[in-house]
């Protein structure tokens, strides 16, 4: 999943339920952004004053990678 300023919070939560922890840890209850389901990461950043925007997006991406994406297992070449 590509995460950018237009990514909707709802999409993130649907893709990975553990992302809700990320918002709760920061004191953000933005599952619906005051009832709007089209809440984007850009809107969240402005609402909570999380500027510059790119730093906030990097934080979201980092957390998503850490808890939602399974690490790729690299197999070593077999020795025969």
C-alpha atoms as a PDB file:
ATOM      1  CA  UNK A   1       0.000   0.000   0.000  1.00  0.00           C
ATOM      2  CA  UNK A   2       1.384   3.388  -0.971  1.00  0.00           C
ATOM      3  CA  UNK A   3       0.981   5.975   1.767  1.00  0.00           C
ATOM      4  CA  UNK A   4       0.793   9.625   0.758  1.00  0.00           C
ATOM      5  CA  UNK A   5      -1.057  12.796   1.759  1.00  0.00           C
ATOM      6  CA  UNK A   6      -4.215  11.640  -0.028  1.00  0.00           C
ATOM      7  CA  UNK A   7      -4.341   8.275   1.739  1.00  0.00           C
ATOM      8  CA  UNK A   8      -7.554   8.033   3.722  1.00  0.00           C
ATOM      9  CA  UNK A   9      -7.293   7.084   7.385  1.00  0.00           C
ATOM     10  CA  UNK A  10     -10.141   4.627   6.886  1.00  0.00           C
ATOM     11  CA  UNK A  11      -8.122   2.833   4.162  1.00  0.00           C
ATOM     12  CA  UNK A  12      -5.154   2.530   6.505  1.00  0.00           C
ATOM     13  CA  UNK A  13      -7.302   1.086   9.284  1.00  0.00           C
ATOM     14  CA  UNK A  14      -8.962  -1.355   6.873  1.00  0.00           C
ATOM     15  CA  UNK A  15      -5.592  -2.451   5.490  1.00  0.00           C
ATOM     16  CA  UNK A  16      -4.133  -2.953   8.942  1.00  0.00           C
ATOM     17  CA  UNK A  17      -6.161  -2.785  12.132  1.00  0.00           C
ATOM     18  CA  UNK A  18      -3.015  -2.185  14.185  1.00  0.00           C
ATOM     19  CA  UNK A  19      -2.711   1.291  12.650  1.00  0.00           C
ATOM     20  CA  UNK A  20      -5.400   2.371  15.098  1.00  0.00           C
ATOM     21  CA  UNK A  21      -2.766   1.970  17.858  1.00  0.00           C
ATOM     22  CA  UNK A  22      -0.630   4.540  16.036  1.00  0.00           C
ATOM     23  CA  UNK A  23      -3.333   7.197  16.239  1.00  0.00           C
ATOM     24  CA  UNK A  24      -4.376   6.306  19.796  1.00  0.00           C
ATOM     25  CA  UNK A  25      -0.759   6.558  21.033  1.00  0.00           C
ATOM     26  CA  UNK A  26      -0.675  10.128  19.741  1.00  0.00           C
ATOM     27  CA  UNK A  27      -3.991  11.060  21.335  1.00  0.00           C
ATOM     28  CA  UNK A  28      -5.767  11.209  17.994  1.00  0.00           C
ATOM     29  CA  UNK A  29      -9.192   9.764  17.698  1.00  0.00           C
ATOM     30  CA  UNK A  30      -9.508  10.211  13.992  1.00  0.00           C
ATOM     31  CA  UNK A  31     -11.190   7.055  12.867  1.00  0.00           C
ATOM     32  CA  UNK A  32     -13.749   9.276  11.200  1.00  0.00           C
ATOM     33  CA  UNK A  33     -12.315  12.800  11.605  1.00  0.00           C
ATOM     34  CA  UNK A  34     -15.377  14.305  13.267  1.00  0.00           C
ATOM     35  CA  UNK A  35     -17.726  12.033  11.347  1.00  0.00           C
ATOM     36  CA  UNK A  36     -16.209  12.447   7.876  1.00  0.00           C
ATOM     37  CA  UNK A  37     -15.113   9.186   6.319  1.00  0.00           C
ATOM     38  CA  UNK A  38     -13.034  10.925   3.642  1.00  0.00           C
ATOM     39  CA  UNK A  39     -10.439  11.979   6.210  1.00  0.00           C
ATOM     40  CA  UNK A  40      -6.973  12.001   4.603  1.00  0.00           C
ATOM     41  CA  UNK A  41      -3.557  12.068   6.238  1.00  0.00           C
ATOM     42  CA  UNK A  42      -3.144  15.636   4.973  1.00  0.00           C
ATOM     43  CA  UNK A  43      -6.313  16.724   6.804  1.00  0.00           C
ATOM     44  CA  UNK A  44      -5.128  14.986   9.977  1.00  0.00           C
ATOM     45  CA  UNK A  45      -1.758  16.755   9.721  1.00  0.00           C
ATOM     46  CA  UNK A  46      -3.389  20.177   9.444  1.00  0.00           C
ATOM     47  CA  UNK A  47      -5.968  19.424  12.135  1.00  0.00           C
ATOM     48  CA  UNK A  48      -3.296  18.418  14.664  1.00  0.00           C
ATOM     49  CA  UNK A  49      -0.648  20.881  13.436  1.00  0.00           C
ATOM     50  CA  UNK A  50       1.741  18.127  12.352  1.00  0.00           C
ATOM     51  CA  UNK A  51       3.799  20.117   9.908  1.00  0.00           C
ATOM     52  CA  UNK A  52       5.928  19.763   7.852  1.00  0.00           C
ATOM     53  CA  UNK A  53       3.652  17.257   6.186  1.00  0.00           C
ATOM     54  CA  UNK A  54       6.450  15.071   4.798  1.00  0.00           C
ATOM     55  CA  UNK A  55       7.805  14.338   8.305  1.00  0.00           C
ATOM     56  CA  UNK A  56       4.340  13.216   9.411  1.00  0.00           C
ATOM     57  CA  UNK A  57       3.958  10.984   6.347  1.00  0.00           C
ATOM     58  CA  UNK A  58       7.350   9.395   7.025  1.00  0.00           C
ATOM     59  CA  UNK A  59       6.270   8.643  10.593  1.00  0.00           C
ATOM     60  CA  UNK A  60       3.067   6.980   9.333  1.00  0.00           C
ATOM     61  CA  UNK A  61       4.969   4.993   6.676  1.00  0.00           C
ATOM     62  CA  UNK A  62       7.579   3.869   9.194  1.00  0.00           C
ATOM     63  CA  UNK A  63       4.971   2.620  11.649  1.00  0.00           C
ATOM     64  CA  UNK A  64       3.002   0.908   8.875  1.00  0.00           C
ATOM     65  CA  UNK A  65       6.115  -0.909   7.662  1.00  0.00           C
ATOM     66  CA  UNK A  66       7.073  -1.915  11.192  1.00  0.00           C
ATOM     67  CA  UNK A  67       3.754  -3.366  12.354  1.00  0.00           C
ATOM     68  CA  UNK A  68       1.753  -4.132   9.226  1.00  0.00           C
ATOM     69  CA  UNK A  69       4.143  -5.496   6.657  1.00  0.00           C
ATOM     70  CA  UNK A  70       5.644  -8.885   7.194  1.00  0.00           C
ATOM     71  CA  UNK A  71       9.409  -8.821   6.818  1.00  0.00           C
ATOM     72  CA  UNK A  72      10.620 -10.514   3.687  1.00  0.00           C
ATOM     73  CA  UNK A  73      12.480 -13.701   4.419  1.00  0.00           C
ATOM     74  CA  UNK A  74      15.598 -13.934   2.334  1.00  0.00           C
ATOM     75  CA  UNK A  75      16.717 -17.490   1.845  1.00  0.00           C
ATOM     76  CA  UNK A  76      20.383 -18.102   1.498  1.00  0.00           C
ATOM     77  CA  UNK A  77      21.414 -20.063  -1.564  1.00  0.00           C
ATOM     78  CA  UNK A  78      21.523 -23.774  -0.833  1.00  0.00           C
ATOM     79  CA  UNK A  79      24.926 -25.358  -0.783  1.00  0.00           C
ATOM     80  CA  UNK A  80      24.885 -28.560  -2.727  1.00  0.00           C
END
